[in-house]
Amino acid sequence: MMNKMKGNAWTFGDDISTDHIAPGRLFHLRSNLPELAKHVLEDADPEFASKMSKGDFVVGGRNFGLGSSREHAPTIIKMAGISAVLAKSFARIFYRNAINVGLPVVICNTDRIKTGDELEVDLDAGVVRNLTKKTEVSFAPLPKAMQKILEDGGLLYHIAKYGDFNLD
């Protein structure tokens, strides 16, 4: 995983639930995640999956990822090619699931980010640069343990690499 990413923003507002991300009516696809990823965020924006590009960012408001604890939601966001999710706040379980599947999540002020803005996110420096508007938003960098899990591609890959947690 690269700690400096560049792509376009797709904004979704407050209270985007795991059902918005991975629609419950597509339950039958939960054993076929590549197919489910083709429907990512379909209930929030029916055309999102067909319009987004690999490397883009999902941008939410408050309480992104509320709802069920299924890890399918962050997994299919990652599988669709989204680099990171930025939001003012996250539901706790979604946040942990995202880190565990290797999807960076950034807590920052997203008020001035609009769909189509080109962003550069630097996880090490803790800054989101809006290249379209020539503005910056700072955020608290992720703890080193989480950065290490993300760098390894997620918790399973991290444990496979070290045989246990290696958080030094």
Protein backbone atom coordinates (compact mmCIF):
# COMPACT_ATOMS: atom_id res chain seq x y z
CA MET A 1 0.00 0.00 0.00
CA MET A 2 1.26 3.46 -0.83
CA ASN A 3 1.06 6.06 1.92
CA LYS A 4 0.59 8.88 -0.59
CA MET A 5 -2.43 8.47 -2.87
CA LYS A 6 -4.05 10.61 -5.53
CA GLY A 7 -7.52 10.36 -7.08
CA ASN A 8 -10.91 11.99 -7.39
CA ALA A 9 -13.47 12.42 -4.61
CA TRP A 10 -16.95 10.89 -4.52
CA THR A 11 -19.03 12.46 -1.75
CA PHE A 12 -21.90 10.73 0.03
CA GLY A 13 -22.92 12.78 3.09
CA ASP A 14 -23.84 11.65 6.60
CA ASP A 15 -25.00 8.24 7.87
CA ILE A 16 -23.96 6.04 4.97
CA SER A 17 -24.80 2.57 6.25
CA THR A 18 -23.33 -0.82 5.43
CA ASP A 19 -26.60 -1.46 3.56
CA HIS A 20 -25.87 1.57 1.35
CA ILE A 21 -22.40 0.12 0.73
CA ALA A 22 -23.32 -3.57 0.31
CA PRO A 23 -27.09 -3.71 -0.33
CA GLY A 24 -28.85 -6.37 1.77
CA ARG A 25 -31.00 -7.35 -1.21
CA LEU A 26 -27.78 -8.70 -2.77
CA PHE A 27 -27.21 -11.09 0.13
CA HIS A 28 -26.84 -13.97 -2.34
CA LEU A 29 -23.60 -12.38 -3.63
CA ARG A 30 -21.79 -12.41 -0.25
CA SER A 31 -19.88 -15.51 -1.30
CA ASN A 32 -18.91 -13.81 -4.57
CA LEU A 33 -17.24 -10.60 -3.44
CA PRO A 34 -15.91 -9.55 -6.88
CA GLU A 35 -19.49 -9.60 -8.16
CA LEU A 36 -20.77 -7.79 -5.04
CA ALA A 37 -18.08 -5.12 -5.55
CA LYS A 38 -19.73 -4.24 -8.86
CA HIS A 39 -22.67 -2.97 -6.76
CA VAL A 40 -20.65 -1.03 -4.16
CA LEU A 41 -22.58 1.98 -2.78
CA GLU A 42 -25.36 1.29 -5.29
CA ASP A 43 -28.09 2.26 -2.83
CA ALA A 44 -26.46 5.65 -2.20
CA ASP A 45 -25.59 6.36 -5.86
CA PRO A 46 -26.82 3.81 -8.43
CA GLU A 47 -24.13 4.82 -10.95
CA PHE A 48 -21.17 5.09 -8.58
CA ALA A 49 -19.56 1.73 -9.38
CA SER A 50 -19.68 2.38 -13.11
CA LYS A 51 -18.41 5.98 -12.84
CA MET A 52 -15.59 5.70 -10.26
CA SER A 53 -11.99 4.95 -11.23
CA LYS A 54 -9.41 2.87 -9.42
CA GLY A 55 -7.54 5.10 -6.98
CA ASP A 56 -10.49 7.40 -6.25
CA PHE A 57 -11.69 8.26 -2.74
CA VAL A 58 -15.04 7.78 -1.05
CA VAL A 59 -15.83 10.82 1.10
CA GLY A 60 -18.50 10.72 3.78
CA GLY A 61 -19.79 13.02 6.46
CA ARG A 62 -20.60 11.82 9.96
CA ASN A 63 -21.05 8.19 11.06
CA PHE A 64 -19.84 6.50 7.87
CA GLY A 65 -20.40 2.74 7.90
CA LEU A 66 -23.13 2.51 10.51
CA GLY A 67 -25.31 -0.57 10.64
CA SER A 68 -24.38 -4.20 10.61
CA SER A 69 -20.91 -5.42 11.50
CA ARG A 70 -20.34 -7.36 8.29
CA GLU A 71 -16.88 -6.85 6.86
CA HIS A 72 -18.23 -7.15 3.32
CA ALA A 73 -18.75 -3.38 3.24
CA PRO A 74 -15.11 -2.24 3.55
CA THR A 75 -13.93 -5.29 1.62
CA ILE A 76 -15.95 -4.45 -1.50
CA ILE A 77 -14.95 -0.77 -1.30
CA LYS A 78 -11.32 -1.94 -1.42
CA MET A 79 -12.02 -4.53 -4.14
CA ALA A 80 -13.69 -1.85 -6.29
CA GLY A 81 -10.36 0.03 -6.26
CA ILE A 82 -11.06 2.87 -3.83
CA SER A 83 -7.78 4.07 -2.24
CA ALA A 84 -9.25 5.28 1.05
CA VAL A 85 -12.41 6.46 2.75
CA LEU A 86 -12.43 9.93 4.28
CA ALA A 87 -15.15 11.00 6.71
CA LYS A 88 -15.82 13.25 9.68
CA SER A 89 -16.51 10.14 11.78
CA PHE A 90 -16.92 6.40 11.33
CA ALA A 91 -19.01 3.73 12.98
CA ARG A 92 -16.57 1.88 15.24
CA ILE A 93 -16.98 -1.58 13.75
CA PHE A 94 -16.72 -0.33 10.16
CA TYR A 95 -13.52 1.54 11.09
CA ARG A 96 -11.92 -1.58 12.60
CA ASN A 97 -13.10 -3.80 9.75
CA ALA A 98 -11.63 -1.35 7.23
CA ILE A 99 -8.20 -1.45 8.87
CA ASN A 100 -8.40 -5.24 9.17
CA VAL A 101 -9.11 -5.66 5.44
CA GLY A 102 -6.39 -3.13 4.49
CA LEU A 103 -8.60 -0.18 3.54
CA PRO A 104 -7.25 3.16 4.84
CA VAL A 105 -9.81 5.28 6.69
CA VAL A 106 -9.11 8.93 7.46
CA ILE A 107 -11.01 11.02 9.99
CA CYS A 108 -10.96 14.64 8.81
CA ASN A 109 -13.19 17.59 8.02
CA THR A 110 -14.79 16.77 4.68
CA ASP A 111 -17.09 19.83 4.46
CA ARG A 112 -15.19 21.48 1.59
CA ILE A 113 -14.62 18.37 -0.51
CA LYS A 114 -17.01 17.93 -3.45
CA THR A 115 -17.49 15.12 -5.94
CA GLY A 116 -14.92 15.45 -8.71
CA ASP A 117 -12.31 17.29 -6.63
CA GLU A 118 -8.85 15.85 -7.17
CA LEU A 119 -7.34 14.87 -3.82
CA GLU A 120 -3.93 13.81 -2.60
CA VAL A 121 -3.92 11.96 0.72
CA ASP A 122 -0.62 11.61 2.56
CA LEU A 123 -1.10 9.11 5.40
CA ASP A 124 2.38 9.74 6.86
CA ALA A 125 2.08 13.52 6.95
CA GLY A 126 -1.58 13.46 8.01
CA VAL A 127 -2.79 15.78 5.28
CA VAL A 128 -5.47 15.79 2.59
CA ARG A 129 -4.61 18.17 -0.22
CA ASN A 130 -7.51 19.28 -2.39
CA LEU A 131 -5.62 19.89 -5.64
CA THR A 132 -8.74 21.30 -7.32
CA LYS A 133 -9.38 23.96 -4.66
CA LYS A 134 -5.73 24.31 -3.56
CA THR A 135 -6.61 23.75 0.09
CA GLU A 136 -5.36 21.37 2.77
CA VAL A 137 -6.98 19.61 5.70
CA SER A 138 -4.85 18.05 8.44
CA PHE A 139 -5.73 14.87 10.29
CA ALA A 140 -4.15 12.84 13.06
CA PRO A 141 -2.05 10.15 11.38
CA LEU A 142 -3.12 6.59 12.12
CA PRO A 143 -1.34 4.89 15.00
CA LYS A 144 1.79 2.99 13.91
CA ALA A 145 0.14 -0.38 14.62
CA MET A 146 -2.68 0.41 12.19
CA GLN A 147 -0.25 1.75 9.59
CA LYS A 148 1.72 -1.48 9.81
CA ILE A 149 -1.44 -3.59 9.31
CA LEU A 150 -2.41 -1.42 6.30
CA GLU A 151 1.09 -1.66 4.83
CA ASP A 152 0.85 -5.45 5.01
CA GLY A 153 -2.51 -5.41 3.18
CA GLY A 154 -4.71 -6.14 6.19
CA LEU A 155 -4.69 -8.10 9.42
CA LEU A 156 -4.69 -11.59 7.82
CA TYR A 157 -1.67 -10.74 5.66
CA HIS A 158 0.04 -9.10 8.63
CA ILE A 159 -0.36 -12.21 10.80
CA ALA A 160 0.65 -14.49 7.91
CA LYS A 161 3.80 -12.40 7.43
CA TYR A 162 4.88 -12.36 11.10
CA GLY A 163 3.08 -15.39 12.54
CA ASP A 164 1.53 -13.06 15.13
CA PHE A 165 1.07 -9.35 15.76
CA ASN A 166 4.27 -7.42 15.09
CA LEU A 167 3.43 -3.91 16.14
CA ASP A 168 6.92 -2.61 16.98
